[in-house]
Amino acid sequence: VEVNNSWRIGVTRESAERKGGISFSPQRGYWCLDSYSYWAVFSALTDPVTPLPLSLKPRKLGVCVDIEERKVSFYTVESRAHVYTFTDMVFPQGEKIYPVFYTWDSDKDLELLPAVSVEIKPVTDS
């Protein structure tokens, strides 16, 4: 996804609540990253929220869902650098997973890019 300045991107399970006051968290069936430029926020929507370094905020964001490993990983498309991984996804066997795309930026759309197979660079502790 080619992102704009303020967005929410991730995946959700079919049984997750989609109406009313939605709480975007893994406990509610949402695995998403959030960026809001007005407050200089970039975070993983965990409970509590996990702040991410603004230096990792990508212009193009890749999402990789591994059903067998129960993981959702996000990476920068240009450098293939790891941004964040949600682990221990919980959903019933055979339940569908759907993408989540949301923008607060009325000046620039999110652009969906063709899917490609990539190897994400491993996380380093440096």
Protein backbone atom coordinates (compact mmCIF):
# COMPACT_ATOMS: atom_id res chain seq x y z
CA VAL A 1 0.00 0.00 0.00
CA GLU A 2 1.37 3.43 -0.87
CA VAL A 3 0.38 5.45 2.15
CA ASN A 4 -0.46 9.09 2.71
CA ASN A 5 0.07 11.08 5.91
CA SER A 6 -2.70 9.71 8.14
CA TRP A 7 -3.90 6.13 7.86
CA ARG A 8 -4.78 2.81 9.50
CA ILE A 9 -3.77 -0.40 7.71
CA GLY A 10 -3.93 -4.04 8.73
CA VAL A 11 -6.18 -7.08 8.77
CA THR A 12 -9.26 -8.22 10.64
CA ARG A 13 -11.02 -11.52 11.15
CA GLU A 14 -14.50 -12.10 9.73
CA SER A 15 -16.16 -12.27 13.17
CA ALA A 16 -14.74 -8.92 14.40
CA GLU A 17 -17.19 -6.13 15.23
CA ARG A 18 -17.44 -3.66 12.34
CA LYS A 19 -20.16 -1.24 13.47
CA GLY A 20 -20.33 1.31 16.25
CA GLY A 21 -17.44 2.23 18.50
CA ILE A 22 -14.81 -0.24 17.36
CA SER A 23 -11.74 -0.89 19.47
CA PHE A 24 -8.92 -1.76 17.07
CA SER A 25 -6.83 -4.31 18.95
CA PRO A 26 -5.79 -7.95 18.58
CA GLN A 27 -8.20 -8.85 21.39
CA ARG A 28 -11.04 -7.52 19.19
CA GLY A 29 -9.79 -9.25 16.04
CA TYR A 30 -7.85 -6.35 14.48
CA TRP A 31 -4.12 -6.33 13.74
CA CYS A 32 -3.34 -2.81 12.48
CA LEU A 33 -0.77 -0.05 12.33
CA ASP A 34 -1.81 3.58 12.70
CA SER A 35 -0.24 6.82 11.50
CA TYR A 36 -1.58 10.26 12.26
CA SER A 37 0.66 13.07 11.04
CA TYR A 38 -1.09 15.89 12.96
CA TRP A 39 0.15 14.45 16.28
CA ALA A 40 3.29 12.81 14.81
CA VAL A 41 1.99 9.39 15.85
CA PHE A 42 3.04 6.04 14.41
CA SER A 43 1.95 2.98 16.37
CA ALA A 44 0.84 -0.63 16.48
CA LEU A 45 -2.74 -0.87 17.74
CA THR A 46 -2.11 -3.22 20.63
CA ASP A 47 -3.63 -2.88 24.10
CA PRO A 48 -2.01 -0.67 25.31
CA VAL A 49 -0.86 0.98 22.07
CA THR A 50 2.76 0.28 21.06
CA PRO A 51 4.51 3.46 19.84
CA LEU A 52 6.79 2.89 16.85
CA PRO A 53 9.76 5.08 15.85
CA LEU A 54 8.80 7.68 13.25
CA SER A 55 12.01 6.69 11.45
CA LEU A 56 10.31 3.37 10.56
CA LYS A 57 7.21 5.04 9.10
CA PRO A 58 7.16 3.88 5.46
CA ARG A 59 6.00 5.58 2.29
CA LYS A 60 4.99 2.16 0.98
CA LEU A 61 3.83 -0.42 3.52
CA GLY A 62 3.77 -4.16 2.94
CA VAL A 63 1.60 -6.56 4.94
CA CYS A 64 2.34 -10.28 5.24
CA VAL A 65 -0.18 -12.65 6.88
CA ASP A 66 1.13 -16.08 7.91
CA ILE A 67 -1.91 -18.14 8.89
CA GLU A 68 0.09 -21.21 9.93
CA GLU A 69 2.43 -19.22 12.19
CA ARG A 70 -0.45 -16.95 13.36
CA LYS A 71 1.47 -13.76 12.55
CA VAL A 72 0.88 -10.48 10.73
CA SER A 73 4.06 -8.64 9.75
CA PHE A 74 4.47 -5.15 8.34
CA TYR A 75 7.51 -4.01 6.38
CA THR A 76 8.73 -1.12 4.25
CA VAL A 77 8.36 -2.02 0.59
CA GLU A 78 11.42 -0.05 -0.57
CA SER A 79 13.95 -1.52 1.86
CA ARG A 80 12.00 -4.61 2.98
CA ALA A 81 12.88 -3.64 6.55
CA HIS A 82 10.75 -5.09 9.31
CA VAL A 83 8.42 -2.56 10.99
CA TYR A 84 6.26 -4.62 13.37
CA THR A 85 4.88 -8.15 13.82
CA PHE A 86 1.74 -9.18 15.67
CA THR A 87 2.04 -12.74 17.00
CA ASP A 88 -0.46 -15.29 18.31
CA MET A 89 -3.35 -14.24 16.08
CA VAL A 90 -6.54 -15.86 17.37
CA PHE A 91 -9.31 -16.88 15.00
CA PRO A 92 -11.38 -20.01 14.46
CA GLN A 93 -10.17 -22.57 11.91
CA GLY A 94 -11.28 -21.55 8.43
CA GLU A 95 -12.41 -18.04 9.41
CA LYS A 96 -11.81 -15.45 6.68
CA ILE A 97 -9.32 -12.62 7.10
CA TYR A 98 -10.02 -9.23 5.49
CA PRO A 99 -7.80 -6.19 4.83
CA VAL A 100 -8.33 -2.96 6.75
CA PHE A 101 -7.67 0.32 4.90
CA TYR A 102 -8.59 3.68 6.40
CA THR A 103 -7.43 7.24 5.78
CA TRP A 104 -7.93 10.57 7.51
CA ASP A 105 -6.02 12.38 4.74
CA SER A 106 -8.48 13.96 2.30
CA ASP A 107 -5.68 15.35 0.10
CA LYS A 108 -4.14 12.03 -0.96
CA ASP A 109 -5.63 8.57 -1.38
CA LEU A 110 -4.11 5.31 -0.27
CA GLU A 111 -2.90 3.41 -3.32
CA LEU A 112 -3.06 -0.38 -3.43
CA LEU A 113 -0.01 -1.86 -5.10
CA PRO A 114 0.29 -5.29 -6.73
CA ALA A 115 1.17 -8.13 -4.38
CA VAL A 116 4.72 -9.40 -4.63
CA SER A 117 6.63 -12.14 -2.90
CA VAL A 118 9.35 -10.68 -0.70
CA GLU A 119 11.73 -11.83 1.97
CA ILE A 120 11.51 -9.51 4.95
CA LYS A 121 14.84 -8.57 6.50
CA PRO A 122 15.21 -10.05 9.98
CA VAL A 123 14.82 -7.90 13.05
CA THR A 124 18.11 -6.83 14.57
CA ASP A 125 18.74 -5.66 18.12
CA SER A 126 21.06 -2.84 17.15
